[in-house]
């Protein structure tokens, strides 16, 4: 399916993720400017594509630019979760919003980077009252990553759950039943997968679970 028509001035659309649901493919188009250090262009898109024919049925401009992470369908909210980072040079131009498949509408940002305290890198939503995000915070020489909790219903940050002075938290994911939060921790001397109870936030193992190499992503296969 040719998406070159959705590119910005550098000729590349940069499709960062897709999700198949009910005969449709939903694809997010970042539109990053390769000639300007991959800064986002004026807008980014969500495309709704007919999976059988490849026809593009609708293009929806996102509230914030640079949808940088995977698309996830949230069963608890019956919505697609969109992670919109904006520019990594700024912490006040991105956030998280939801897409309603029934009427193809966007919620607007349910929580902003300003509220979270950094660039949103990844996020999952456990319920209407609790979500988790990885945020990037600019330090003296590099970016650091934290795992934070937030309230989707009010758009407020709840607490810093994990804090690092390096970029070590890459991906978070909920277990299929939504009861556990899994975190990929790439800390140099003790990398592994960390598992937390999504209700109490208590860590379920005394140390990261070693998977052989520093984990970069987590995906459940039911």
N, C-alpha and C. Protein backbone atom coordinates (compact mmCIF):
# COMPACT_ATOMS: atom_id res chain seq x y z
N UNK A 1 0.86 -1.18 0.00
CA UNK A 1 0.00 0.00 0.00
C UNK A 1 0.90 1.23 0.00
N UNK A 2 0.80 2.01 -1.02
CA UNK A 2 1.67 3.17 -1.18
C UNK A 2 1.18 4.32 -0.31
N UNK A 3 2.03 4.73 0.65
CA UNK A 3 1.68 5.83 1.55
C UNK A 3 2.54 7.06 1.31
N UNK A 4 3.20 7.10 0.15
CA UNK A 4 4.10 8.23 -0.13
C UNK A 4 3.36 9.57 -0.18
N UNK A 5 2.08 9.54 -0.47
CA UNK A 5 1.32 10.79 -0.54
C UNK A 5 1.20 11.47 0.82
N UNK A 6 1.49 10.72 1.89
CA UNK A 6 1.35 11.27 3.23
C UNK A 6 2.69 11.73 3.81
N UNK A 7 3.74 11.72 2.97
CA UNK A 7 5.06 12.14 3.42
C UNK A 7 5.13 13.65 3.62
N UNK A 8 6.09 14.07 4.42
CA UNK A 8 6.39 15.49 4.54
C UNK A 8 7.40 15.86 3.45
N UNK A 9 8.10 16.97 3.60
CA UNK A 9 8.93 17.49 2.52
C UNK A 9 10.13 16.60 2.18
N UNK A 10 10.54 15.71 3.08
CA UNK A 10 11.69 14.85 2.76
C UNK A 10 11.29 13.61 1.95
N UNK A 11 9.98 13.45 1.68
CA UNK A 11 9.51 12.35 0.85
C UNK A 11 9.25 11.04 1.57
N UNK A 12 9.42 11.03 2.90
CA UNK A 12 9.24 9.80 3.68
C UNK A 12 8.10 9.98 4.69
N UNK A 13 7.11 9.07 4.70
CA UNK A 13 6.00 9.22 5.64
C UNK A 13 6.32 8.72 7.05
N UNK A 14 7.25 7.77 7.20
CA UNK A 14 7.59 7.16 8.50
C UNK A 14 6.37 6.61 9.23
N UNK A 15 5.98 5.41 8.85
CA UNK A 15 4.87 4.71 9.51
C UNK A 15 5.46 3.93 10.69
N UNK A 16 5.07 4.28 11.89
CA UNK A 16 5.74 3.72 13.08
C UNK A 16 5.00 2.56 13.71
N UNK A 17 3.75 2.31 13.32
CA UNK A 17 3.02 1.21 13.94
C UNK A 17 1.71 0.93 13.25
N UNK A 18 1.22 -0.30 13.42
CA UNK A 18 -0.05 -0.70 12.83
C UNK A 18 -0.81 -1.59 13.80
N UNK A 19 -2.13 -1.63 13.65
CA UNK A 19 -2.98 -2.50 14.44
C UNK A 19 -4.13 -2.97 13.55
N UNK A 20 -4.39 -4.28 13.56
CA UNK A 20 -5.50 -4.84 12.79
C UNK A 20 -6.68 -5.08 13.72
N UNK A 21 -7.85 -4.55 13.34
CA UNK A 21 -9.06 -4.72 14.14
C UNK A 21 -10.28 -4.72 13.22
N UNK A 22 -11.09 -5.76 13.33
CA UNK A 22 -12.39 -5.82 12.65
C UNK A 22 -12.30 -5.51 11.16
N UNK A 23 -11.32 -6.11 10.49
CA UNK A 23 -11.21 -5.94 9.05
C UNK A 23 -10.54 -4.65 8.61
N UNK A 24 -10.04 -3.88 9.55
CA UNK A 24 -9.37 -2.62 9.23
C UNK A 24 -7.93 -2.65 9.76
N UNK A 25 -7.05 -1.97 9.05
CA UNK A 25 -5.70 -1.75 9.53
C UNK A 25 -5.56 -0.28 9.89
N UNK A 26 -5.13 -0.01 11.10
CA UNK A 26 -4.91 1.36 11.55
C UNK A 26 -3.40 1.59 11.60
N UNK A 27 -2.93 2.60 10.89
CA UNK A 27 -1.49 2.88 10.80
C UNK A 27 -1.22 4.32 11.22
N UNK A 28 -0.17 4.51 12.01
CA UNK A 28 0.20 5.86 12.42
C UNK A 28 1.38 6.34 11.59
N UNK A 29 1.26 7.56 11.08
CA UNK A 29 2.25 8.16 10.19
C UNK A 29 2.91 9.32 10.94
N UNK A 30 4.22 9.17 11.22
CA UNK A 30 4.92 10.18 12.02
C UNK A 30 5.18 11.48 11.25
N UNK A 31 5.61 11.37 9.98
CA UNK A 31 5.99 12.53 9.18
C UNK A 31 7.12 13.31 9.87
N UNK A 32 8.30 12.70 9.94
CA UNK A 32 9.47 13.32 10.54
C UNK A 32 10.35 13.92 9.44
N UNK A 33 10.96 15.03 9.74
CA UNK A 33 11.78 15.74 8.76
C UNK A 33 13.23 15.26 8.86
N UNK A 34 13.65 14.42 7.93
CA UNK A 34 15.00 13.87 7.94
C UNK A 34 16.06 14.97 7.78
N UNK A 35 15.67 16.06 7.13
CA UNK A 35 16.61 17.16 6.90
C UNK A 35 16.72 18.09 8.11
N UNK A 36 15.92 17.83 9.13
CA UNK A 36 15.93 18.67 10.33
C UNK A 36 16.04 17.79 11.58
N UNK A 37 16.99 16.85 11.55
CA UNK A 37 17.29 15.99 12.69
C UNK A 37 16.06 15.21 13.16
N UNK A 38 15.22 14.81 12.21
CA UNK A 38 14.04 13.98 12.47
C UNK A 38 13.05 14.65 13.42
N UNK A 39 12.99 15.95 13.37
CA UNK A 39 11.95 16.67 14.10
C UNK A 39 10.61 16.44 13.40
N UNK A 40 9.51 16.38 14.14
CA UNK A 40 8.21 16.18 13.50
C UNK A 40 7.81 17.36 12.63
N UNK A 41 7.13 17.05 11.53
CA UNK A 41 6.62 18.10 10.65
C UNK A 41 5.39 18.75 11.29
N UNK A 42 4.59 19.41 10.49
CA UNK A 42 3.49 20.19 11.04
C UNK A 42 2.37 19.35 11.65
N UNK A 43 2.21 18.10 11.21
CA UNK A 43 1.17 17.25 11.80
C UNK A 43 1.51 15.79 11.53
N UNK A 44 0.87 14.91 12.28
CA UNK A 44 0.98 13.46 12.08
C UNK A 44 -0.41 12.89 11.90
N UNK A 45 -0.49 11.64 11.42
CA UNK A 45 -1.77 11.08 11.00
C UNK A 45 -2.02 9.68 11.55
N UNK A 46 -3.30 9.35 11.67
CA UNK A 46 -3.76 7.98 11.81
C UNK A 46 -4.54 7.64 10.56
N UNK A 47 -4.14 6.56 9.86
CA UNK A 47 -4.83 6.14 8.65
C UNK A 47 -5.68 4.91 8.94
N UNK A 48 -6.89 4.92 8.42
CA UNK A 48 -7.79 3.77 8.50
C UNK A 48 -7.83 3.12 7.12
N UNK A 49 -7.39 1.86 7.06
CA UNK A 49 -7.21 1.16 5.78
C UNK A 49 -8.06 -0.09 5.75
N UNK A 50 -8.76 -0.32 4.64
CA UNK A 50 -9.51 -1.56 4.46
C UNK A 50 -8.52 -2.70 4.23
N UNK A 51 -8.55 -3.70 5.11
CA UNK A 51 -7.55 -4.77 5.04
C UNK A 51 -7.72 -5.65 3.81
N UNK A 52 -8.93 -5.76 3.29
CA UNK A 52 -9.17 -6.63 2.15
C UNK A 52 -8.71 -6.01 0.84
N UNK A 53 -8.91 -4.71 0.70
CA UNK A 53 -8.62 -4.04 -0.57
C UNK A 53 -7.38 -3.15 -0.53
N UNK A 54 -6.95 -2.77 0.66
CA UNK A 54 -5.84 -1.82 0.76
C UNK A 54 -6.25 -0.37 0.57
N UNK A 55 -7.54 -0.13 0.38
CA UNK A 55 -8.02 1.24 0.19
C UNK A 55 -7.94 2.03 1.50
N UNK A 56 -7.46 3.26 1.40
CA UNK A 56 -7.40 4.13 2.57
C UNK A 56 -8.75 4.80 2.73
N UNK A 57 -9.43 4.48 3.82
CA UNK A 57 -10.79 4.97 4.03
C UNK A 57 -10.86 6.32 4.71
N UNK A 58 -9.87 6.60 5.55
CA UNK A 58 -9.93 7.86 6.29
C UNK A 58 -8.54 8.23 6.78
N UNK A 59 -8.25 9.52 6.82
CA UNK A 59 -7.03 10.04 7.42
C UNK A 59 -7.42 11.02 8.52
N UNK A 60 -6.85 10.82 9.69
CA UNK A 60 -7.21 11.62 10.86
C UNK A 60 -5.96 12.30 11.39
N UNK A 61 -5.96 13.61 11.45
CA UNK A 61 -4.83 14.36 12.00
C UNK A 61 -4.83 14.23 13.51
N UNK A 62 -3.69 13.84 14.07
CA UNK A 62 -3.59 13.63 15.51
C UNK A 62 -3.46 14.96 16.24
N UNK A 63 -3.80 14.94 17.52
CA UNK A 63 -3.74 16.16 18.31
C UNK A 63 -2.31 16.64 18.49
N UNK A 64 -1.37 15.71 18.67
CA UNK A 64 0.05 16.04 18.81
C UNK A 64 0.84 15.25 17.78
N UNK A 65 2.03 15.71 17.39
CA UNK A 65 2.81 15.01 16.36
C UNK A 65 3.64 13.85 16.92
N UNK A 66 4.22 13.10 15.98
CA UNK A 66 5.19 12.04 16.26
C UNK A 66 4.62 10.90 17.11
N UNK A 67 3.67 10.12 16.56
CA UNK A 67 3.22 8.90 17.24
C UNK A 67 4.32 7.85 17.18
N UNK A 68 5.12 7.77 18.23
CA UNK A 68 6.40 7.08 18.15
C UNK A 68 6.37 5.63 18.58
N UNK A 69 5.32 5.19 19.23
CA UNK A 69 5.30 3.82 19.75
C UNK A 69 4.21 2.98 19.08
N UNK A 70 4.19 1.71 19.45
CA UNK A 70 3.23 0.78 18.87
C UNK A 70 1.79 1.19 19.20
N UNK A 71 0.89 0.84 18.31
CA UNK A 71 -0.53 1.03 18.58
C UNK A 71 -1.03 -0.14 19.44
N UNK A 72 -1.85 0.17 20.41
CA UNK A 72 -2.45 -0.87 21.24
C UNK A 72 -3.95 -0.64 21.32
N UNK A 73 -4.72 -1.74 21.29
CA UNK A 73 -6.15 -1.64 21.54
C UNK A 73 -6.39 -1.95 23.00
N UNK A 74 -7.04 -1.05 23.71
CA UNK A 74 -7.30 -1.21 25.13
C UNK A 74 -8.70 -1.77 25.35
N UNK A 75 -8.75 -2.99 25.88
CA UNK A 75 -10.04 -3.65 26.09
C UNK A 75 -10.88 -2.94 27.14
N UNK A 76 -10.24 -2.44 28.21
CA UNK A 76 -10.98 -1.81 29.30
C UNK A 76 -11.70 -0.55 28.83
N UNK A 77 -11.09 0.19 27.91
CA UNK A 77 -11.66 1.45 27.43
C UNK A 77 -12.31 1.33 26.06
N UNK A 78 -12.08 0.19 25.37
CA UNK A 78 -12.56 -0.01 23.99
C UNK A 78 -12.04 1.10 23.08
N UNK A 79 -10.75 1.41 23.20
CA UNK A 79 -10.14 2.47 22.42
C UNK A 79 -8.72 2.06 21.99
N UNK A 80 -8.27 2.65 20.88
CA UNK A 80 -6.87 2.58 20.53
C UNK A 80 -6.11 3.62 21.34
N UNK A 81 -4.96 3.23 21.88
CA UNK A 81 -4.13 4.15 22.65
C UNK A 81 -3.02 4.68 21.75
N UNK A 82 -2.95 6.00 21.62
CA UNK A 82 -1.97 6.67 20.76
C UNK A 82 -0.95 7.41 21.61
N UNK A 83 0.33 7.08 21.41
CA UNK A 83 1.41 7.69 22.16
C UNK A 83 2.09 8.70 21.25
N UNK A 84 1.95 9.98 21.58
CA UNK A 84 2.40 11.06 20.71
C UNK A 84 3.51 11.84 21.42
N UNK A 85 4.76 11.62 20.97
CA UNK A 85 5.92 12.15 21.68
C UNK A 85 6.21 13.60 21.33
N UNK A 86 5.80 14.04 20.14
CA UNK A 86 6.18 15.37 19.71
C UNK A 86 7.68 15.43 19.48
N UNK A 87 8.29 16.55 19.75
CA UNK A 87 9.74 16.71 19.59
C UNK A 87 10.44 16.29 20.87
N UNK A 88 11.53 15.55 20.73
CA UNK A 88 12.32 15.17 21.90
C UNK A 88 13.07 16.37 22.48
N UNK A 89 13.06 17.49 21.75
CA UNK A 89 13.71 18.71 22.25
C UNK A 89 12.78 19.49 23.17
N UNK A 90 11.54 19.03 23.29
CA UNK A 90 10.56 19.76 24.09
C UNK A 90 9.73 18.76 24.89
N UNK A 91 9.28 19.16 26.07
CA UNK A 91 8.47 18.27 26.90
C UNK A 91 7.03 18.79 27.06
N UNK A 92 6.63 19.71 26.21
CA UNK A 92 5.28 20.26 26.37
C UNK A 92 4.47 20.20 25.07
N UNK A 93 4.84 19.28 24.16
CA UNK A 93 4.13 19.23 22.88
C UNK A 93 3.58 17.85 22.56
N UNK A 94 3.49 16.96 23.55
CA UNK A 94 3.01 15.61 23.29
C UNK A 94 2.13 15.12 24.42
N UNK A 95 1.76 13.84 24.32
CA UNK A 95 0.91 13.23 25.34
C UNK A 95 0.29 11.95 24.82
N UNK A 96 -0.81 11.56 25.44
CA UNK A 96 -1.49 10.32 25.11
C UNK A 96 -2.94 10.65 24.79
N UNK A 97 -3.44 10.08 23.68
CA UNK A 97 -4.85 10.25 23.38
C UNK A 97 -5.46 8.93 22.93
N UNK A 98 -6.78 8.89 22.87
CA UNK A 98 -7.53 7.68 22.56
C UNK A 98 -8.31 7.86 21.27
N UNK A 99 -8.47 6.75 20.54
CA UNK A 99 -9.23 6.78 19.29
C UNK A 99 -10.41 5.83 19.41
N UNK A 100 -11.59 6.34 19.12
CA UNK A 100 -12.83 5.58 19.19
C UNK A 100 -13.11 4.95 17.83
N UNK A 101 -13.09 3.62 17.75
CA UNK A 101 -13.29 2.93 16.48
C UNK A 101 -14.72 3.03 15.98
N UNK A 102 -15.66 3.27 16.87
CA UNK A 102 -17.07 3.30 16.48
C UNK A 102 -17.41 4.53 15.64
N UNK A 103 -16.83 5.68 16.00
CA UNK A 103 -17.16 6.90 15.25
C UNK A 103 -15.92 7.61 14.70
N UNK A 104 -14.75 6.92 14.76
CA UNK A 104 -13.50 7.47 14.22
C UNK A 104 -13.15 8.83 14.84
N UNK A 105 -13.39 8.97 16.13
CA UNK A 105 -13.11 10.25 16.79
C UNK A 105 -11.93 10.12 17.74
N UNK A 106 -11.26 11.25 17.97
CA UNK A 106 -10.16 11.33 18.91
C UNK A 106 -10.62 11.98 20.21
N UNK A 107 -9.99 11.58 21.30
CA UNK A 107 -10.37 12.13 22.61
C UNK A 107 -9.70 13.46 22.88
N UNK A 108 -8.63 13.79 22.12
CA UNK A 108 -7.73 14.83 22.58
C UNK A 108 -6.80 14.23 23.61
N UNK A 109 -5.80 14.96 24.03
CA UNK A 109 -4.81 14.41 24.96
C UNK A 109 -5.44 14.19 26.34
N UNK A 110 -5.46 12.92 26.77
CA UNK A 110 -6.01 12.62 28.09
C UNK A 110 -4.98 12.89 29.18
N UNK A 111 -3.71 12.90 28.83
CA UNK A 111 -2.65 13.33 29.74
C UNK A 111 -1.54 13.92 28.87
N UNK A 112 -0.96 14.99 29.34
CA UNK A 112 0.06 15.70 28.56
C UNK A 112 1.46 15.38 29.08
N UNK A 113 2.46 15.67 28.23
CA UNK A 113 3.84 15.52 28.67
C UNK A 113 4.16 16.48 29.83
N UNK A 114 3.54 17.63 29.82
CA UNK A 114 3.74 18.58 30.91
C UNK A 114 3.31 17.97 32.23
N UNK A 115 2.16 17.30 32.24
CA UNK A 115 1.67 16.66 33.46
C UNK A 115 2.54 15.49 33.87
N UNK A 116 3.03 14.71 32.88
CA UNK A 116 3.86 13.55 33.18
C UNK A 116 5.26 13.94 33.62
N UNK A 117 5.75 15.08 33.13
CA UNK A 117 7.07 15.55 33.52
C UNK A 117 8.19 15.17 32.59
N UNK A 118 7.86 14.76 31.36
CA UNK A 118 8.90 14.41 30.40
C UNK A 118 8.29 13.94 29.09
N UNK A 119 9.15 13.65 28.12
CA UNK A 119 8.68 13.14 26.83
C UNK A 119 8.10 11.74 27.00
N UNK A 120 6.89 11.52 26.51
CA UNK A 120 6.29 10.21 26.65
C UNK A 120 6.92 9.25 25.64
N UNK A 121 7.45 8.13 26.12
CA UNK A 121 8.14 7.14 25.31
C UNK A 121 7.26 5.93 25.05
N UNK A 122 6.54 5.48 26.05
CA UNK A 122 5.63 4.35 25.93
C UNK A 122 4.57 4.49 27.00
N UNK A 123 3.41 3.86 26.80
CA UNK A 123 2.34 3.97 27.79
C UNK A 123 1.35 2.83 27.63
N UNK A 124 0.78 2.42 28.75
CA UNK A 124 -0.32 1.45 28.76
C UNK A 124 -1.36 1.95 29.76
N UNK A 125 -2.60 1.53 29.56
CA UNK A 125 -3.68 1.94 30.46
C UNK A 125 -4.32 0.70 31.05
N UNK A 126 -4.26 0.59 32.38
CA UNK A 126 -4.81 -0.57 33.07
C UNK A 126 -6.30 -0.42 33.33
N UNK A 127 -6.75 0.81 33.57
CA UNK A 127 -8.16 1.06 33.86
C UNK A 127 -8.45 2.53 33.65
N UNK A 128 -9.67 2.95 33.91
CA UNK A 128 -10.02 4.36 33.78
C UNK A 128 -9.29 5.22 34.81
N UNK A 129 -8.81 4.59 35.88
CA UNK A 129 -8.19 5.36 36.96
C UNK A 129 -6.68 5.21 37.04
N UNK A 130 -6.10 4.27 36.24
CA UNK A 130 -4.64 4.11 36.33
C UNK A 130 -4.04 3.72 34.99
N UNK A 131 -2.97 4.42 34.66
CA UNK A 131 -2.15 4.09 33.51
C UNK A 131 -0.69 4.20 33.90
N UNK A 132 0.18 3.70 33.02
CA UNK A 132 1.62 3.78 33.26
C UNK A 132 2.29 4.32 32.01
N UNK A 133 3.37 5.07 32.21
CA UNK A 133 4.11 5.61 31.08
C UNK A 133 5.60 5.58 31.37
N UNK A 134 6.39 5.39 30.30
CA UNK A 134 7.81 5.67 30.37
C UNK A 134 7.99 7.09 29.86
N UNK A 135 8.72 7.90 30.62
CA UNK A 135 9.00 9.26 30.18
C UNK A 135 10.51 9.46 30.09
N UNK A 136 10.92 10.30 29.16
CA UNK A 136 12.33 10.66 29.00
C UNK A 136 12.54 12.07 29.52
N UNK A 137 13.57 12.22 30.35
CA UNK A 137 13.89 13.49 30.97
C UNK A 137 15.30 13.87 30.56
N UNK A 138 15.49 15.07 30.08
CA UNK A 138 16.80 15.51 29.63
C UNK A 138 17.70 15.80 30.81
N UNK A 139 18.85 15.08 30.84
CA UNK A 139 19.83 15.31 31.88
C UNK A 139 20.97 16.18 31.37
N UNK A 140 22.06 16.21 32.09
CA UNK A 140 23.18 17.06 31.72
C UNK A 140 23.84 16.59 30.42
N UNK A 141 23.95 15.25 30.24
CA UNK A 141 24.65 14.73 29.08
C UNK A 141 23.78 13.85 28.19
N UNK A 142 22.63 13.41 28.69
CA UNK A 142 21.79 12.50 27.92
C UNK A 142 20.37 12.55 28.47
N UNK A 143 19.53 11.64 27.97
CA UNK A 143 18.18 11.54 28.49
C UNK A 143 18.07 10.38 29.48
N UNK A 144 17.31 10.59 30.53
CA UNK A 144 17.04 9.56 31.52
C UNK A 144 15.61 9.07 31.32
N UNK A 145 15.32 7.86 31.77
CA UNK A 145 13.95 7.36 31.68
C UNK A 145 13.42 7.02 33.07
N UNK A 146 12.15 7.36 33.27
CA UNK A 146 11.42 7.00 34.48
C UNK A 146 10.16 6.24 34.07
N UNK A 147 9.66 5.40 34.95
CA UNK A 147 8.34 4.79 34.79
C UNK A 147 7.43 5.47 35.80
N UNK A 148 6.34 6.04 35.32
CA UNK A 148 5.43 6.79 36.18
C UNK A 148 4.02 6.23 36.03
N UNK A 149 3.20 6.46 37.03
CA UNK A 149 1.78 6.13 36.93
C UNK A 149 0.99 7.43 36.80
N UNK A 150 -0.19 7.33 36.17
CA UNK A 150 -1.03 8.50 35.99
C UNK A 150 -2.50 8.09 36.01
N UNK A 151 -3.36 9.08 36.15
CA UNK A 151 -4.81 8.84 36.18
C UNK A 151 -5.40 9.28 34.84
N UNK A 152 -5.83 8.33 33.98
CA UNK A 152 -6.39 8.71 32.68
C UNK A 152 -7.64 9.59 32.80
N UNK A 153 -8.41 9.40 33.86
CA UNK A 153 -9.67 10.13 33.99
C UNK A 153 -9.46 11.60 34.32
N UNK A 154 -8.33 11.94 34.95
CA UNK A 154 -8.09 13.33 35.34
C UNK A 154 -6.88 13.94 34.65
N UNK A 155 -6.05 13.11 33.99
CA UNK A 155 -4.87 13.63 33.31
C UNK A 155 -3.76 14.06 34.24
N UNK A 156 -3.72 13.48 35.44
CA UNK A 156 -2.73 13.86 36.42
C UNK A 156 -1.73 12.73 36.66
N UNK A 157 -0.50 13.09 36.92
CA UNK A 157 0.52 12.12 37.30
C UNK A 157 0.28 11.68 38.74
N UNK A 158 0.45 10.38 39.00
CA UNK A 158 0.26 9.87 40.34
C UNK A 158 1.58 9.73 41.10
N UNK A 159 2.57 9.04 40.46
CA UNK A 159 3.80 8.77 41.19
C UNK A 159 4.89 8.31 40.25
N UNK A 160 6.14 8.59 40.61
CA UNK A 160 7.29 7.97 39.95
C UNK A 160 7.45 6.56 40.50
N UNK A 161 7.34 5.55 39.62
CA UNK A 161 7.46 4.16 40.07
C UNK A 161 8.89 3.63 39.94
N UNK A 162 9.59 3.99 38.88
CA UNK A 162 10.98 3.62 38.69
C UNK A 162 11.74 4.85 38.20
N UNK A 163 12.92 5.08 38.74
CA UNK A 163 13.72 6.23 38.37
C UNK A 163 15.11 5.77 37.98
N UNK A 164 15.62 6.26 36.86
CA UNK A 164 16.96 5.92 36.42
C UNK A 164 17.68 7.16 35.95
N UNK A 165 18.99 7.16 36.10
CA UNK A 165 19.82 8.24 35.59
C UNK A 165 20.36 7.97 34.21
N UNK A 166 19.79 6.97 33.53
CA UNK A 166 20.18 6.62 32.17
C UNK A 166 18.92 6.24 31.39
N UNK A 167 19.08 6.03 30.07
CA UNK A 167 17.96 5.54 29.26
C UNK A 167 17.96 4.02 29.34
N UNK A 168 17.25 3.46 30.30
CA UNK A 168 17.27 2.01 30.50
C UNK A 168 15.89 1.37 30.38
N UNK A 169 14.82 2.15 30.53
CA UNK A 169 13.47 1.58 30.41
C UNK A 169 12.96 1.83 29.00
N UNK A 170 12.80 0.74 28.23
CA UNK A 170 12.46 0.86 26.82
C UNK A 170 10.98 0.64 26.54
N UNK A 171 10.40 -0.37 27.17
CA UNK A 171 9.03 -0.77 26.85
C UNK A 171 8.32 -1.22 28.11
N UNK A 172 7.03 -0.91 28.19
CA UNK A 172 6.17 -1.48 29.22
C UNK A 172 5.01 -2.18 28.54
N UNK A 173 4.45 -3.17 29.22
CA UNK A 173 3.31 -3.90 28.65
C UNK A 173 2.49 -4.47 29.79
N UNK A 174 1.18 -4.54 29.58
CA UNK A 174 0.29 -5.20 30.53
C UNK A 174 0.16 -6.67 30.16
N UNK A 175 0.06 -7.54 31.16
CA UNK A 175 -0.24 -8.93 30.89
C UNK A 175 -1.63 -9.02 30.27
N UNK A 176 -1.93 -10.09 29.54
CA UNK A 176 -3.23 -10.18 28.84
C UNK A 176 -4.44 -10.00 29.76
N UNK A 177 -4.33 -10.40 31.03
CA UNK A 177 -5.47 -10.22 31.93
C UNK A 177 -5.45 -8.86 32.63
N UNK A 178 -4.44 -8.05 32.35
CA UNK A 178 -4.38 -6.69 32.88
C UNK A 178 -3.96 -6.58 34.32
N UNK A 179 -3.52 -7.68 34.94
CA UNK A 179 -3.20 -7.64 36.37
C UNK A 179 -1.74 -7.33 36.65
N UNK A 180 -0.88 -7.41 35.63
CA UNK A 180 0.55 -7.20 35.85
C UNK A 180 1.10 -6.18 34.86
N UNK A 181 2.05 -5.39 35.33
CA UNK A 181 2.81 -4.48 34.48
C UNK A 181 4.21 -5.06 34.30
N UNK A 182 4.61 -5.25 33.05
CA UNK A 182 5.94 -5.77 32.73
C UNK A 182 6.78 -4.62 32.18
N UNK A 183 8.01 -4.54 32.65
CA UNK A 183 8.92 -3.45 32.26
C UNK A 183 10.22 -4.06 31.74
N UNK A 184 10.67 -3.60 30.57
CA UNK A 184 11.99 -4.02 30.08
C UNK A 184 13.03 -3.06 30.66
N UNK A 185 13.95 -3.65 31.42
CA UNK A 185 14.98 -2.88 32.12
C UNK A 185 16.34 -3.25 31.52
N UNK A 186 17.01 -2.27 30.91
CA UNK A 186 18.28 -2.51 30.23
C UNK A 186 19.47 -1.97 31.04
N UNK A 187 19.31 -1.89 32.36
CA UNK A 187 20.40 -1.46 33.22
C UNK A 187 21.63 -2.35 32.97
N UNK A 188 22.78 -1.74 32.79
CA UNK A 188 23.96 -2.46 32.27
C UNK A 188 24.34 -3.68 33.10
N UNK A 189 24.38 -3.57 34.41
CA UNK A 189 24.87 -4.67 35.24
C UNK A 189 23.78 -5.64 35.70
N UNK A 190 22.50 -5.27 35.55
CA UNK A 190 21.42 -6.16 35.99
C UNK A 190 20.19 -6.01 35.10
N UNK A 191 20.34 -6.28 33.79
CA UNK A 191 19.18 -6.13 32.90
C UNK A 191 18.19 -7.28 33.08
N UNK A 192 16.98 -7.05 32.65
CA UNK A 192 15.97 -8.11 32.71
C UNK A 192 14.57 -7.55 32.64
N UNK A 193 13.60 -8.43 32.87
CA UNK A 193 12.19 -8.06 32.87
C UNK A 193 11.74 -7.91 34.32
N UNK A 194 11.06 -6.81 34.60
CA UNK A 194 10.54 -6.55 35.94
C UNK A 194 9.02 -6.59 35.90
N UNK A 195 8.42 -7.24 36.88
CA UNK A 195 6.98 -7.46 36.90
C UNK A 195 6.39 -6.84 38.16
N UNK A 196 5.33 -6.04 37.96
CA UNK A 196 4.67 -5.36 39.07
C UNK A 196 3.20 -5.71 39.11
N UNK A 197 2.64 -5.76 40.29
CA UNK A 197 1.20 -5.92 40.45
C UNK A 197 0.52 -4.61 40.05
N UNK A 198 -0.39 -4.67 39.10
CA UNK A 198 -1.00 -3.45 38.56
C UNK A 198 -1.95 -2.78 39.56
N UNK A 199 -2.41 -3.51 40.56
CA UNK A 199 -3.30 -2.92 41.55
C UNK A 199 -2.52 -2.21 42.66
N UNK A 200 -1.48 -2.88 43.17
CA UNK A 200 -0.73 -2.34 44.31
C UNK A 200 0.58 -1.69 43.92
N UNK A 201 1.06 -1.93 42.69
CA UNK A 201 2.36 -1.47 42.19
C UNK A 201 3.53 -2.18 42.85
N UNK A 202 3.27 -3.22 43.64
CA UNK A 202 4.35 -3.96 44.29
C UNK A 202 5.10 -4.81 43.27
N UNK A 203 6.44 -4.80 43.35
CA UNK A 203 7.23 -5.63 42.44
C UNK A 203 7.13 -7.09 42.89
N UNK A 204 6.97 -8.00 41.92
CA UNK A 204 6.66 -9.38 42.24
C UNK A 204 7.89 -10.28 42.30
N UNK A 205 9.05 -9.78 41.98
CA UNK A 205 10.29 -10.54 42.09
C UNK A 205 11.35 -9.65 42.72
N UNK A 206 12.27 -10.23 43.49
CA UNK A 206 13.26 -9.40 44.20
C UNK A 206 14.28 -8.73 43.30
N UNK A 207 14.43 -9.20 42.05
CA UNK A 207 15.37 -8.61 41.12
C UNK A 207 14.87 -8.84 39.70
N UNK A 208 15.39 -8.09 38.71
CA UNK A 208 14.95 -8.29 37.32
C UNK A 208 15.17 -9.74 36.88
N UNK A 209 14.24 -10.26 36.09
CA UNK A 209 14.33 -11.62 35.58
C UNK A 209 15.24 -11.64 34.37
N UNK A 210 16.36 -12.33 34.47
CA UNK A 210 17.36 -12.36 33.41
C UNK A 210 16.82 -13.14 32.23
N UNK A 211 16.83 -12.52 31.04
CA UNK A 211 16.38 -13.20 29.82
C UNK A 211 17.52 -13.39 28.83
N UNK A 212 18.75 -13.24 29.30
CA UNK A 212 19.91 -13.53 28.47
C UNK A 212 20.58 -12.29 27.92
N UNK A 213 19.81 -11.40 27.35
CA UNK A 213 20.30 -10.14 26.83
C UNK A 213 19.40 -9.02 27.32
N UNK A 214 19.85 -7.77 27.34
CA UNK A 214 18.98 -6.67 27.76
C UNK A 214 17.72 -6.61 26.90
N UNK A 215 16.54 -6.73 27.50
CA UNK A 215 15.30 -6.77 26.71
C UNK A 215 14.95 -5.40 26.11
N UNK A 216 14.60 -5.41 24.84
CA UNK A 216 14.25 -4.16 24.16
C UNK A 216 12.75 -4.00 23.98
N UNK A 217 12.01 -5.10 24.06
CA UNK A 217 10.58 -5.02 23.83
C UNK A 217 9.90 -6.20 24.50
N UNK A 218 8.61 -6.05 24.75
CA UNK A 218 7.81 -7.12 25.37
C UNK A 218 6.54 -7.30 24.56
N UNK A 219 6.23 -8.54 24.22
CA UNK A 219 5.00 -8.83 23.47
C UNK A 219 4.42 -10.14 23.98
N UNK A 220 3.15 -10.13 24.33
CA UNK A 220 2.46 -11.34 24.79
C UNK A 220 1.77 -12.03 23.62
N UNK A 221 1.87 -13.36 23.58
CA UNK A 221 1.15 -14.16 22.61
C UNK A 221 0.17 -15.03 23.36
N UNK A 222 -1.12 -14.73 23.21
CA UNK A 222 -2.11 -15.48 23.97
C UNK A 222 -2.32 -16.86 23.37
